[in-house]
Amino acid sequence: MEVTYEQVAQFRYVAQLWLRRSGYQRTKLDYVVEKMVKKTKTMAEQYADRQEDLRDEHAEVDPKTKVIVVNSDGSRAFSPDKIKSLRKALRDLSHEHLEIDPYYVDDESIPKTIEFEYLDSNGDTRVMSEYDVRDAFTNFVIKE
């Protein structure tokens, strides 16, 4: 199955929230989600490494020392032109296609509702809609 880095990242984000949801009871869907999280770990690491490489390639370089210029907060410095080309390169990377062998669960093993609540980074309760869960899980653990 062909997926993009962006889809892998979205799957892993939703999957990790899914596996930590309140009232968690292990189901067949949970089992295949756990397997796919493990299977996509290398892809996610590769994506992060390639993003960092692009940031280094587009960062400002001191012409004398050939060292990447760093802002006072420790972040890389980018010229307006370089930041535009970096954004395009990152967008292109996120849409790059990868091959993955999915672990599909049978339709009968998918709960009637897969909407769930989770805590965001501020500690606020949010709802992951059924649409968002299905969108993230399709082609990874749910057939299209």
Protein backbone atom coordinates (compact mmCIF):
# COMPACT_ATOMS: atom_id res chain seq x y z
CA MET A 1 0.00 0.00 0.00
CA GLU A 2 1.30 3.42 -0.90
CA VAL A 3 1.11 6.14 1.77
CA THR A 4 2.80 9.49 2.38
CA TYR A 5 5.00 10.63 5.27
CA GLU A 6 2.16 12.98 6.21
CA GLN A 7 -0.25 10.04 6.44
CA VAL A 8 2.24 8.06 8.55
CA ALA A 9 2.58 10.99 10.95
CA GLN A 10 -1.20 11.42 11.18
CA PHE A 11 -1.72 7.69 11.74
CA ARG A 12 0.87 7.60 14.53
CA TYR A 13 -0.56 10.70 16.23
CA VAL A 14 -4.14 9.38 16.27
CA ALA A 15 -3.01 5.82 17.07
CA GLN A 16 -1.04 6.92 20.13
CA LEU A 17 -4.01 8.93 21.41
CA TRP A 18 -6.30 5.96 20.63
CA LEU A 19 -4.17 3.58 22.67
CA ARG A 20 -4.13 5.98 25.66
CA ARG A 21 -7.85 6.78 25.61
CA SER A 22 -9.85 6.47 28.81
CA GLY A 23 -11.86 3.30 29.27
CA TYR A 24 -9.31 1.42 27.16
CA GLN A 25 -10.15 -2.25 26.75
CA ARG A 26 -7.97 -4.32 24.44
CA THR A 27 -9.71 -5.23 21.19
CA LYS A 28 -8.57 -6.68 17.86
CA LEU A 29 -8.41 -3.12 16.54
CA ASP A 30 -6.11 -2.13 19.42
CA TYR A 31 -3.88 -5.10 18.63
CA VAL A 32 -3.40 -4.13 14.96
CA VAL A 33 -3.01 -0.43 15.85
CA GLU A 34 -0.19 -1.37 18.25
CA LYS A 35 1.45 -3.49 15.54
CA MET A 36 1.26 -0.65 13.00
CA VAL A 37 2.64 1.90 15.48
CA LYS A 38 5.68 -0.37 15.89
CA LYS A 39 5.91 -0.98 12.15
CA THR A 40 5.81 2.74 11.29
CA LYS A 41 8.36 3.79 13.94
CA THR A 42 11.31 3.57 11.53
CA MET A 43 9.39 5.55 8.90
CA ALA A 44 8.62 8.29 11.45
CA GLU A 45 12.26 8.43 12.52
CA GLN A 46 13.39 8.60 8.89
CA TYR A 47 10.90 11.43 8.28
CA ALA A 48 12.20 13.39 11.28
CA ASP A 49 15.82 12.88 10.15
CA ARG A 50 15.03 14.06 6.63
CA GLN A 51 13.23 17.14 8.00
CA GLU A 52 16.31 18.00 10.06
CA ASP A 53 18.53 17.50 7.01
CA LEU A 54 16.37 19.93 5.03
CA ARG A 55 16.54 22.50 7.83
CA ASP A 56 20.33 22.22 7.85
CA GLU A 57 20.51 22.49 4.05
CA HIS A 58 18.38 25.67 4.02
CA ALA A 59 19.86 27.39 7.09
CA GLU A 60 22.03 30.46 6.79
CA VAL A 61 25.76 29.72 6.78
CA ASP A 62 28.46 32.10 7.92
CA PRO A 63 30.51 32.79 4.76
CA LYS A 64 33.83 32.86 6.64
CA THR A 65 33.47 29.88 8.96
CA LYS A 66 30.97 27.85 6.90
CA VAL A 67 29.09 27.18 10.18
CA ILE A 68 25.29 27.27 10.37
CA VAL A 69 24.13 30.57 11.83
CA VAL A 70 22.18 30.13 15.06
CA ASN A 71 19.76 32.64 16.63
CA SER A 72 20.04 33.67 20.30
CA ASP A 73 17.38 31.06 21.20
CA GLY A 74 19.48 28.28 19.66
CA SER A 75 17.36 27.85 16.52
CA ARG A 76 18.80 27.95 13.03
CA ALA A 77 18.68 31.26 11.18
CA PHE A 78 16.98 31.43 7.78
CA SER A 79 16.81 34.21 5.21
CA PRO A 80 13.35 35.03 3.78
CA ASP A 81 14.26 33.26 0.51
CA LYS A 82 15.64 30.22 2.31
CA ILE A 83 12.57 29.92 4.55
CA LYS A 84 10.31 29.88 1.48
CA SER A 85 12.36 27.16 -0.18
CA LEU A 86 12.51 25.23 3.12
CA ARG A 87 8.72 25.31 3.45
CA LYS A 88 8.35 24.00 -0.09
CA ALA A 89 10.93 21.26 0.50
CA LEU A 90 9.20 20.19 3.75
CA ARG A 91 5.81 20.17 2.01
CA ASP A 92 7.23 18.08 -0.85
CA LEU A 93 8.77 15.66 1.65
CA SER A 94 5.47 15.26 3.53
CA HIS A 95 3.80 14.22 0.27
CA GLU A 96 6.53 11.75 -0.70
CA HIS A 97 5.17 8.22 -1.18
CA LEU A 98 6.26 5.13 0.76
CA GLU A 99 5.30 1.49 0.55
CA ILE A 100 3.80 -0.12 3.64
CA ASP A 101 2.28 -3.50 4.36
CA PRO A 102 -0.87 -2.72 6.36
CA TYR A 103 -2.37 -4.84 9.13
CA TYR A 104 -6.08 -4.74 8.44
CA VAL A 105 -8.70 -5.60 10.99
CA ASP A 106 -11.96 -7.17 9.79
CA ASP A 107 -15.00 -4.86 9.73
CA GLU A 108 -16.71 -6.81 12.52
CA SER A 109 -13.81 -5.99 14.86
CA ILE A 110 -14.21 -2.22 14.46
CA PRO A 111 -16.28 -0.78 17.32
CA LYS A 112 -19.61 0.82 16.35
CA THR A 113 -18.22 4.18 17.36
CA ILE A 114 -14.55 4.97 17.21
CA GLU A 115 -14.90 8.58 18.33
CA PHE A 116 -13.01 9.11 21.60
CA GLU A 117 -11.98 11.74 24.13
CA TYR A 118 -8.38 12.61 24.93
CA LEU A 119 -6.43 15.23 26.87
CA ASP A 120 -4.56 17.80 24.80
CA SER A 121 -1.19 19.28 25.79
CA ASN A 122 -2.96 21.89 27.95
CA GLY A 123 -4.85 19.21 29.86
CA ASP A 124 -8.14 20.09 28.18
CA THR A 125 -10.51 17.33 27.10
CA ARG A 126 -10.92 17.09 23.33
CA VAL A 127 -12.87 14.75 21.07
CA MET A 128 -11.30 12.90 18.16
CA SER A 129 -14.15 12.54 15.70
CA GLU A 130 -15.06 9.27 14.04
CA TYR A 131 -14.21 10.89 10.69
CA ASP A 132 -10.69 11.82 11.89
CA VAL A 133 -10.03 8.37 13.34
CA ARG A 134 -11.21 6.59 10.19
CA ASP A 135 -9.23 8.99 8.01
CA ALA A 136 -6.03 8.35 10.00
CA PHE A 137 -6.53 4.56 10.25
CA THR A 138 -7.55 3.96 6.61
CA ASN A 139 -4.85 2.14 4.63
CA PHE A 140 -3.02 1.26 7.85
CA VAL A 141 -5.52 -0.82 9.88
CA ILE A 142 -8.86 -0.19 8.15
CA LYS A 143 -9.41 -1.03 4.48
CA GLU A 144 -10.52 1.82 2.25
